[in-house]
Amino acid sequence: MAKERIVTGIDIGASKIRCLIGKKNNQGKFDIIGCGVIPHNYIKKGAVADLKGLSDAIGKAVYKAEDESGKKVQSAYINAADQHTEGIWSNSEIVISDRDSEITRFDTEKVTKDAKSISIPYEREIFYTVHNGYTVDDEKGIVDPAGTFGFKLRADLYLITVKAALIENLKKAVLQTGISVAGTVISSVPTSLSCLSQHEKKIGTVLIDMGADLTEISIYTEGLLRYIKILPTGGNEMTDKISHQFRLPLEVAEKVKTEEIALDEEYADDDKIILKVDSRQRVIYKKELQALLQDLYKNMFISIKEAANKSGIFRDASNGVVLTGGASVMEGAAEIAEIEFGCPVRVGHITQLGTSSQPLVAHIFATAVGLVKYGFKEAEKRKNIIEKGTKNAFASIIDYARSLYREYF
């Protein structure tokens, strides 16, 4: 009997750690058999502020998921993003020296490696690579040119860089719990696996993940990630503004924001919220709170649109905008976004989800579910490489011999 394959994803967010243990069912959907969520405040704007505290929070979230699933976690996939995340276009071109020779696997590997050889600041590293295909003699969009004939071969890459210290700190926080890191990925990728179909990525879609202290903007066209930008703003900033204007403790301001108001509701002048703060009664008028939040959302969407427009491909996202993350689900937020973006906007939902131990709403669990999906995709890639290992190794030797022959003879 084949061993049951499970994958663990740990979404290390700014305010919560979410650990999910999942397996793929016979229908190709993903069953979530274990879930653990732990609140924390050990990451600020994408930087680890307390390594031990973060590691302890991760350990507690994993323990909860293990307890629920009855499985022991050995390794996990994790995500990362910071406000300094940057996408860089890079390309490289080589000339196939013999017109009568076919392009080899060695050629494709060389041109790809050359495209990755870019100069970046010492404190940064290439964290994720999007391969945008090859060009052979001006014919673009070729997925695998090995075995074809051509004179010039070019590779186009979109390289995503982050601060190396963040990645190392996140890995260390996980390793200190006794769990190995199976893989790391930029947060946008697993979130897109949860909330976007391949068709939506192909026709062009903007994915906006409005987190606690960061907002991730990702633009997909032709099925690939073409642009990423992360803004240092999110739901916590709105909570801070409410706390300051109405002189409320942060935890009270957060509760008022998420439970007491809607952006698209019609309130009377005397509609009010009665609060008990420090044993004293406080009164907040709903219209005043609503006006503040409407203004905050409008300004946030204006900033997002300005950042998206700088990509030069925002107009190609004909499918519109998909919102996810905690700040996206307030009633009326999508309507404000439609006005500011001038295109269709919807709130994302998780696709291809089978059974789960508890309801998994997209604005909370999209990235964690996506990490489970991503883990299965990576496992399939490794399986295919192993199955074709002997063949690939032999082909690589032949390709290398051909390249040496062309170079020296």
Protein backbone atom coordinates (compact mmCIF):
# COMPACT_ATOMS: atom_id res chain seq x y z
CA MET A 1 0.00 0.00 0.00
CA ALA A 2 1.39 3.40 -1.00
CA LYS A 3 2.33 5.71 1.82
CA GLU A 4 -0.10 8.58 2.30
CA ARG A 5 1.49 11.83 1.22
CA ILE A 6 0.83 14.88 3.35
CA VAL A 7 2.14 18.43 2.96
CA THR A 8 2.41 21.12 5.62
CA GLY A 9 2.24 24.83 4.91
CA ILE A 10 3.10 27.49 7.46
CA ASP A 11 1.89 30.98 6.59
CA ILE A 12 4.05 33.35 8.63
CA GLY A 13 1.97 36.50 8.62
CA ALA A 14 2.45 39.77 10.45
CA SER A 15 -0.25 39.10 13.03
CA LYS A 16 -0.87 35.33 12.92
CA ILE A 17 0.88 32.05 12.24
CA ARG A 18 -1.34 29.66 10.29
CA CYS A 19 -0.27 26.05 9.95
CA LEU A 20 -2.22 23.67 7.71
CA ILE A 21 -1.62 19.98 7.09
CA GLY A 22 -3.18 18.74 3.86
CA LYS A 23 -3.49 15.81 1.52
CA LYS A 24 -4.75 15.45 -2.05
CA ASN A 25 -7.91 13.38 -2.52
CA ASN A 26 -8.97 11.22 -5.47
CA GLN A 27 -10.86 14.13 -7.05
CA GLY A 28 -7.72 16.27 -7.22
CA LYS A 29 -8.90 18.56 -4.43
CA PHE A 30 -7.07 19.29 -1.21
CA ASP A 31 -8.34 17.99 2.12
CA ILE A 32 -7.11 19.91 5.16
CA ILE A 33 -6.72 17.47 8.05
CA GLY A 34 -5.03 19.74 10.58
CA CYS A 35 -5.15 23.45 11.36
CA GLY A 36 -3.33 25.59 13.91
CA VAL A 37 -3.58 29.38 14.28
CA ILE A 38 -1.58 31.43 16.77
CA PRO A 39 -1.66 35.25 17.04
CA HIS A 40 1.67 37.04 17.46
CA ASN A 41 3.40 40.40 17.04
CA TYR A 42 6.95 39.31 16.30
CA ILE A 43 7.17 40.59 12.71
CA LYS A 44 7.12 44.29 11.84
CA LYS A 45 6.87 45.39 8.18
CA GLY A 46 8.39 42.12 7.03
CA ALA A 47 11.29 42.11 9.53
CA VAL A 48 11.62 39.63 12.40
CA ALA A 49 11.51 41.59 15.67
CA ASP A 50 11.76 38.65 18.10
CA LEU A 51 13.22 35.40 16.76
CA LYS A 52 12.52 33.28 19.85
CA GLY A 53 8.97 34.60 20.19
CA LEU A 54 8.32 33.88 16.51
CA SER A 55 9.76 30.37 16.79
CA ASP A 56 7.60 29.63 19.85
CA ALA A 57 4.48 30.86 18.00
CA ILE A 58 5.30 28.67 14.99
CA GLY A 59 5.81 25.68 17.28
CA LYS A 60 2.43 26.22 18.94
CA ALA A 61 0.63 26.53 15.60
CA VAL A 62 2.28 23.33 14.33
CA TYR A 63 1.42 21.48 17.54
CA LYS A 64 -2.25 22.42 17.16
CA ALA A 65 -2.30 21.18 13.57
CA GLU A 66 -0.52 17.96 14.56
CA ASP A 67 -2.94 17.35 17.42
CA GLU A 68 -5.95 17.81 15.14
CA SER A 69 -4.60 15.67 12.31
CA GLY A 70 -2.89 12.94 14.29
CA LYS A 71 0.16 13.43 12.05
CA LYS A 72 3.71 14.39 12.95
CA VAL A 73 5.14 17.26 10.90
CA GLN A 74 8.67 16.64 9.65
CA SER A 75 8.99 19.50 7.16
CA ALA A 76 6.97 22.46 5.93
CA TYR A 77 6.75 25.01 3.14
CA ILE A 78 6.91 28.64 4.23
CA ASN A 79 6.27 32.02 2.61
CA ALA A 80 8.03 35.35 2.86
CA ALA A 81 7.67 38.95 1.72
CA ASP A 82 8.87 42.32 2.93
CA GLN A 83 8.28 45.92 1.96
CA HIS A 84 11.57 45.93 0.04
CA THR A 85 10.63 43.00 -2.20
CA GLU A 86 11.51 43.88 -5.77
CA GLY A 87 10.91 42.30 -9.16
CA ILE A 88 13.63 42.72 -11.79
CA TRP A 89 13.43 41.81 -15.48
CA SER A 90 16.55 40.16 -16.81
CA ASN A 91 17.49 38.42 -20.04
CA SER A 92 20.44 36.80 -21.73
CA GLU A 93 21.16 35.74 -25.30
CA ILE A 94 23.62 33.28 -26.73
CA VAL A 95 24.51 32.40 -30.31
CA ILE A 96 24.39 28.74 -31.32
CA SER A 97 27.75 28.48 -33.07
CA ASP A 98 26.75 25.86 -35.63
CA ARG A 99 23.63 26.68 -37.65
CA ASP A 100 23.15 22.99 -38.44
CA SER A 101 23.12 21.94 -34.77
CA GLU A 102 20.04 21.71 -32.63
CA ILE A 103 19.63 23.65 -29.38
CA THR A 104 20.57 21.44 -26.47
CA ARG A 105 19.57 21.25 -22.83
CA PHE A 106 23.02 22.57 -22.02
CA ASP A 107 22.27 25.71 -24.08
CA THR A 108 18.98 26.38 -22.28
CA GLU A 109 20.62 25.93 -18.88
CA LYS A 110 23.50 28.22 -19.82
CA VAL A 111 21.33 31.08 -21.12
CA THR A 112 19.09 30.83 -18.04
CA LYS A 113 22.08 30.86 -15.69
CA ASP A 114 23.50 33.89 -17.51
CA ALA A 115 20.19 35.74 -17.13
CA LYS A 116 20.34 35.15 -13.37
CA SER A 117 23.84 36.56 -13.13
CA ILE A 118 22.83 40.10 -12.27
CA SER A 119 24.31 42.58 -9.85
CA ILE A 120 22.17 43.10 -6.74
CA PRO A 121 22.99 44.65 -3.35
CA TYR A 122 24.92 42.39 -1.00
CA GLU A 123 22.08 42.24 1.55
CA ARG A 124 19.57 40.95 -1.01
CA GLU A 125 19.10 37.60 -2.72
CA ILE A 126 17.13 36.22 -5.65
CA PHE A 127 14.29 34.53 -3.83
CA TYR A 128 11.98 33.45 -6.63
CA THR A 129 12.36 33.18 -10.40
CA VAL A 130 9.58 33.39 -12.98
CA HIS A 131 10.70 32.00 -16.33
CA ASN A 132 8.92 33.91 -19.09
CA GLY A 133 9.97 31.54 -21.84
CA TYR A 134 12.62 31.51 -24.53
CA THR A 135 13.02 33.35 -27.82
CA VAL A 136 14.58 31.48 -30.74
CA ASP A 137 15.50 33.66 -33.73
CA ASP A 138 12.87 36.29 -32.79
CA GLU A 139 10.16 33.65 -32.22
CA LYS A 140 8.89 34.45 -28.70
CA GLY A 141 7.03 32.40 -26.12
CA ILE A 142 8.82 29.09 -26.62
CA VAL A 143 8.53 26.93 -23.51
CA ASP A 144 11.24 24.34 -24.23
CA PRO A 145 13.50 24.91 -27.26
CA ALA A 146 15.75 21.89 -26.58
CA GLY A 147 15.88 19.71 -29.68
CA THR A 148 14.83 22.47 -32.07
CA PHE A 149 17.07 24.34 -34.52
CA GLY A 150 17.97 28.01 -34.24
CA PHE A 151 20.81 30.48 -34.43
CA LYS A 152 20.08 32.74 -31.44
CA LEU A 153 18.62 31.67 -28.08
CA ARG A 154 17.35 34.13 -25.50
CA ALA A 155 15.89 33.61 -22.01
CA ASP A 156 13.63 36.17 -20.28
CA LEU A 157 13.32 36.00 -16.50
CA TYR A 158 11.46 37.94 -13.82
CA LEU A 159 13.66 37.77 -10.72
CA ILE A 160 12.13 38.56 -7.33
CA THR A 161 14.59 39.67 -4.66
CA VAL A 162 14.13 40.09 -0.92
CA LYS A 163 16.41 40.83 2.01
CA ALA A 164 18.52 37.76 2.70
CA ALA A 165 18.32 38.33 6.46
CA LEU A 166 14.53 37.91 6.43
CA ILE A 167 14.71 34.54 4.70
CA GLU A 168 17.44 33.25 7.02
CA ASN A 169 15.58 34.46 10.11
CA LEU A 170 12.33 32.80 9.04
CA LYS A 171 14.13 29.54 8.26
CA LYS A 172 15.90 29.65 11.62
CA ALA A 173 12.62 30.28 13.46
CA VAL A 174 11.15 27.15 11.82
CA LEU A 175 14.27 25.02 12.31
CA GLN A 176 14.34 25.86 16.02
CA THR A 177 11.00 24.05 16.37
CA GLY A 178 12.61 20.84 15.10
CA ILE A 179 10.99 21.06 11.66
CA SER A 180 12.93 21.26 8.41
CA VAL A 181 12.07 23.76 5.66
CA ALA A 182 10.91 21.88 2.57
CA GLY A 183 10.80 25.05 0.49
CA THR A 184 10.33 28.80 0.55
CA VAL A 185 8.29 30.94 -1.81
CA ILE A 186 7.21 34.55 -2.26
CA SER A 187 3.78 34.97 -0.59
CA SER A 188 1.98 36.01 -3.77
CA VAL A 189 2.53 32.64 -5.46
CA PRO A 190 0.66 30.41 -2.96
CA THR A 191 -2.04 33.05 -2.54
CA SER A 192 -2.60 33.02 -6.30
CA LEU A 193 -2.83 29.21 -6.27
CA SER A 194 -5.74 29.53 -3.86
CA CYS A 195 -7.63 32.49 -5.31
CA LEU A 196 -6.92 32.58 -9.07
CA SER A 197 -7.62 30.08 -11.81
CA GLN A 198 -5.10 29.52 -14.58
CA HIS A 199 -7.61 31.10 -16.96
CA GLU A 200 -7.71 34.27 -14.84
CA LYS A 201 -3.92 34.41 -14.84
CA LYS A 202 -3.85 33.96 -18.59
CA ILE A 203 -6.33 36.73 -19.48
CA GLY A 204 -4.80 39.11 -16.92
CA THR A 205 -5.68 39.64 -13.26
CA VAL A 206 -4.41 41.85 -10.46
CA LEU A 207 -4.23 40.07 -7.09
CA ILE A 208 -4.18 42.36 -4.04
CA ASP A 209 -3.48 40.79 -0.66
CA MET A 210 -4.31 43.34 2.03
CA GLY A 211 -2.55 42.02 5.13
CA ALA A 212 -2.06 43.39 8.61
CA ASP A 213 0.91 45.65 7.83
CA LEU A 214 1.80 44.93 4.19
CA THR A 215 -0.23 45.01 0.97
CA GLU A 216 1.02 42.78 -1.85
CA ILE A 217 0.19 43.70 -5.45
CA SER A 218 0.72 40.97 -8.05
CA ILE A 219 -0.18 41.21 -11.72
CA TYR A 220 -0.60 38.03 -13.76
CA THR A 221 -0.82 38.01 -17.55
CA GLU A 222 -0.36 35.19 -20.06
CA GLY A 223 -0.47 32.75 -17.15
CA LEU A 224 2.62 34.15 -15.40
CA LEU A 225 3.54 36.55 -12.62
CA ARG A 226 4.69 39.69 -14.45
CA TYR A 227 4.85 42.30 -11.69
CA ILE A 228 5.05 42.44 -7.91
CA LYS A 229 5.04 45.38 -5.54
CA ILE A 230 4.61 45.45 -1.78
CA LEU A 231 3.36 48.55 0.02
CA PRO A 232 4.07 49.14 3.73
CA THR A 233 0.41 49.59 4.62
CA GLY A 234 -2.45 47.37 5.73
CA GLY A 235 -5.23 46.77 8.21
CA ASN A 236 -3.12 47.68 11.25
CA GLU A 237 -2.69 51.21 9.93
CA MET A 238 -6.46 51.63 9.79
CA THR A 239 -6.75 50.35 13.34
CA ASP A 240 -4.09 52.84 14.46
CA LYS A 241 -6.02 55.72 12.85
CA ILE A 242 -9.25 54.69 14.58
CA SER A 243 -7.42 54.34 17.88
CA HIS A 244 -5.88 57.80 17.53
CA GLN A 245 -8.99 59.67 16.34
CA PHE A 246 -11.38 58.14 18.87
CA ARG A 247 -8.83 57.65 21.66
CA LEU A 248 -9.40 53.93 21.97
CA PRO A 249 -7.06 51.10 22.97
CA LEU A 250 -5.83 49.22 19.90
CA GLU A 251 -7.71 46.03 20.72
CA VAL A 252 -10.97 47.98 21.09
CA ALA A 253 -10.31 49.89 17.87
CA GLU A 254 -9.75 46.60 15.99
CA LYS A 255 -13.01 45.16 17.32
CA VAL A 256 -14.94 48.30 16.36
CA LYS A 257 -13.44 48.20 12.85
CA THR A 258 -14.24 44.55 12.18
CA GLU A 259 -17.55 44.11 14.00
CA GLU A 260 -19.42 47.38 14.25
CA ILE A 261 -19.33 49.10 10.87
CA ALA A 262 -19.95 48.62 7.13
CA LEU A 263 -18.68 50.93 4.40
CA ASP A 264 -21.83 50.70 2.28
CA GLU A 265 -24.46 51.03 5.01
CA GLU A 266 -26.78 54.03 5.41
CA TYR A 267 -26.51 55.29 8.98
CA ALA A 268 -28.68 57.91 10.68
CA ASP A 269 -27.03 60.85 12.40
CA ASP A 270 -27.83 59.42 15.82
CA ASP A 271 -26.68 55.82 15.12
CA LYS A 272 -24.00 55.10 17.68
CA ILE A 273 -21.74 52.47 19.16
CA ILE A 274 -21.65 52.24 22.94
CA LEU A 275 -18.36 50.95 24.30
CA LYS A 276 -17.03 50.17 27.73
CA VAL A 277 -13.42 51.30 28.02
CA ASP A 278 -11.56 51.16 31.33
CA SER A 279 -14.85 50.77 33.20
CA ARG A 280 -16.19 53.90 31.54
CA GLN A 281 -18.83 54.21 28.84
CA ARG A 282 -17.78 55.65 25.50
CA VAL A 283 -19.99 56.65 22.57
CA ILE A 284 -18.87 56.69 18.90
CA TYR A 285 -21.16 57.82 16.11
CA LYS A 286 -21.24 55.38 13.23
CA LYS A 287 -21.32 58.03 10.51
CA GLU A 288 -18.10 59.54 11.82
CA LEU A 289 -16.35 56.17 11.99
CA GLN A 290 -17.66 55.20 8.55
CA ALA A 291 -16.42 58.45 6.99
CA LEU A 292 -12.94 57.85 8.42
CA LEU A 293 -12.79 54.28 7.09
CA GLN A 294 -14.17 55.22 3.67
CA ASP A 295 -11.44 57.84 3.36
CA LEU A 296 -8.74 55.37 4.50
CA TYR A 297 -9.86 52.73 1.99
CA LYS A 298 -10.10 55.26 -0.81
CA ASN A 299 -6.55 56.52 -0.16
CA MET A 300 -5.24 52.95 0.08
CA PHE A 301 -6.76 51.97 -3.26
CA ILE A 302 -5.41 55.14 -4.87
CA SER A 303 -1.90 54.20 -3.66
CA ILE A 304 -2.35 50.65 -4.94
CA LYS A 305 -3.51 51.86 -8.35
CA GLU A 306 -0.55 54.24 -8.64
CA ALA A 307 1.84 51.36 -7.87
CA ALA A 308 0.07 49.04 -10.32
CA ASN A 309 0.16 51.66 -13.07
CA LYS A 310 3.94 51.86 -12.74
CA SER A 311 4.12 48.27 -13.93
CA GLY A 312 3.07 49.34 -17.42
CA ILE A 313 0.86 46.25 -17.73
CA PHE A 314 -2.05 47.15 -15.43
CA ARG A 315 -4.14 47.82 -18.55
CA ASP A 316 -3.51 44.22 -19.68
CA ALA A 317 -5.33 42.82 -16.63
CA SER A 318 -8.65 42.57 -18.48
CA ASN A 319 -10.17 40.24 -15.88
CA GLY A 320 -9.96 42.97 -13.24
CA VAL A 321 -8.91 42.88 -9.59
CA VAL A 322 -9.21 40.17 -6.93
CA LEU A 323 -8.96 41.23 -3.29
CA THR A 324 -7.91 39.01 -0.40
CA GLY A 325 -6.44 39.47 3.07
CA GLY A 326 -8.07 40.65 6.29
CA ALA A 327 -8.70 44.23 5.19
CA SER A 328 -10.48 43.11 2.00
CA VAL A 329 -13.65 41.68 3.50
CA MET A 330 -15.21 44.76 5.04
CA GLU A 331 -18.61 45.26 3.46
CA GLY A 332 -18.36 47.93 0.79
CA ALA A 333 -14.57 47.71 0.32
CA ALA A 334 -14.86 46.03 -3.10
CA GLU A 335 -17.30 48.72 -4.26
CA ILE A 336 -14.86 51.49 -3.30
CA ALA A 337 -12.10 49.58 -5.11
CA GLU A 338 -14.19 49.35 -8.30
CA ILE A 339 -14.69 53.11 -8.32
CA GLU A 340 -10.97 53.81 -7.85
CA PHE A 341 -9.66 51.11 -10.22
CA GLY A 342 -12.31 51.58 -12.89
CA CYS A 343 -12.57 47.83 -13.51
CA PRO A 344 -14.37 44.76 -12.08
CA VAL A 345 -13.37 43.86 -8.52
CA ARG A 346 -14.25 40.76 -6.52
CA VAL A 347 -13.25 39.33 -3.16
CA GLY A 348 -11.26 36.11 -3.58
CA HIS A 349 -12.34 32.67 -2.46
CA ILE A 350 -10.36 29.44 -2.11
CA THR A 351 -10.72 27.01 -5.03
CA GLN A 352 -10.10 23.24 -5.27
CA LEU A 353 -10.63 22.80 -1.54
CA GLY A 354 -12.05 19.46 -0.39
CA THR A 355 -12.90 18.67 3.19
CA SER A 356 -11.42 20.57 6.11
CA SER A 357 -11.46 20.24 9.86
CA GLN A 358 -12.99 23.73 10.12
CA PRO A 359 -14.25 26.46 7.76
CA LEU A 360 -11.32 28.08 5.93
CA VAL A 361 -12.23 31.57 4.75
CA ALA A 362 -10.08 32.99 1.97
CA HIS A 363 -9.12 36.29 3.60
CA ILE A 364 -7.52 34.36 6.48
CA PHE A 365 -6.30 31.08 4.99
CA ALA A 366 -5.66 31.74 1.27
CA THR A 367 -1.86 31.79 1.60
CA ALA A 368 -1.73 28.79 3.96
CA VAL A 369 -3.93 26.66 1.66
CA GLY A 370 -1.82 27.86 -1.27
CA LEU A 371 1.35 26.67 0.48
CA VAL A 372 -0.14 23.17 0.73
CA LYS A 373 -0.99 23.28 -3.00
CA TYR A 374 2.47 24.62 -3.80
CA GLY A 375 4.07 21.81 -1.79
CA PHE A 376 2.22 19.17 -3.80
CA LYS A 377 3.25 20.86 -7.08
CA GLU A 378 6.90 20.85 -6.01
CA ALA A 379 6.65 17.19 -4.97
CA GLU A 380 5.27 16.33 -8.42
CA LYS A 381 8.16 18.16 -10.09
CA ARG A 382 10.69 16.20 -8.04
CA LYS A 383 8.89 12.94 -8.82
CA ASN A 384 9.03 13.66 -12.55
CA ILE A 385 12.74 14.49 -12.36
CA ILE A 386 13.46 11.24 -10.52
CA GLU A 387 11.38 9.19 -12.96
CA LYS A 388 13.23 10.74 -15.91
CA GLY A 389 16.53 10.87 -14.09
CA THR A 390 18.49 8.32 -16.12
CA LYS A 391 17.17 9.65 -19.40
CA ASN A 392 17.89 13.25 -18.41
CA ALA A 393 21.38 12.41 -17.22
CA PHE A 394 22.20 10.65 -20.49
CA ALA A 395 20.70 13.53 -22.53
CA SER A 396 22.73 16.06 -20.51
CA ILE A 397 25.96 14.20 -21.25
CA ILE A 398 25.16 14.13 -24.97
CA ASP A 399 24.23 17.84 -24.91
CA TYR A 400 27.42 18.76 -23.11
CA ALA A 401 29.52 16.75 -25.59
CA ARG A 402 27.79 18.51 -28.49
CA SER A 403 28.44 21.94 -26.97
CA LEU A 404 32.14 21.14 -26.49
CA TYR A 405 32.41 19.90 -30.04
CA ARG A 406 30.78 23.10 -31.40
CA GLU A 407 33.01 25.28 -29.26
CA TYR A 408 36.35 23.71 -30.15
CA PHE A 409 35.81 22.26 -33.61
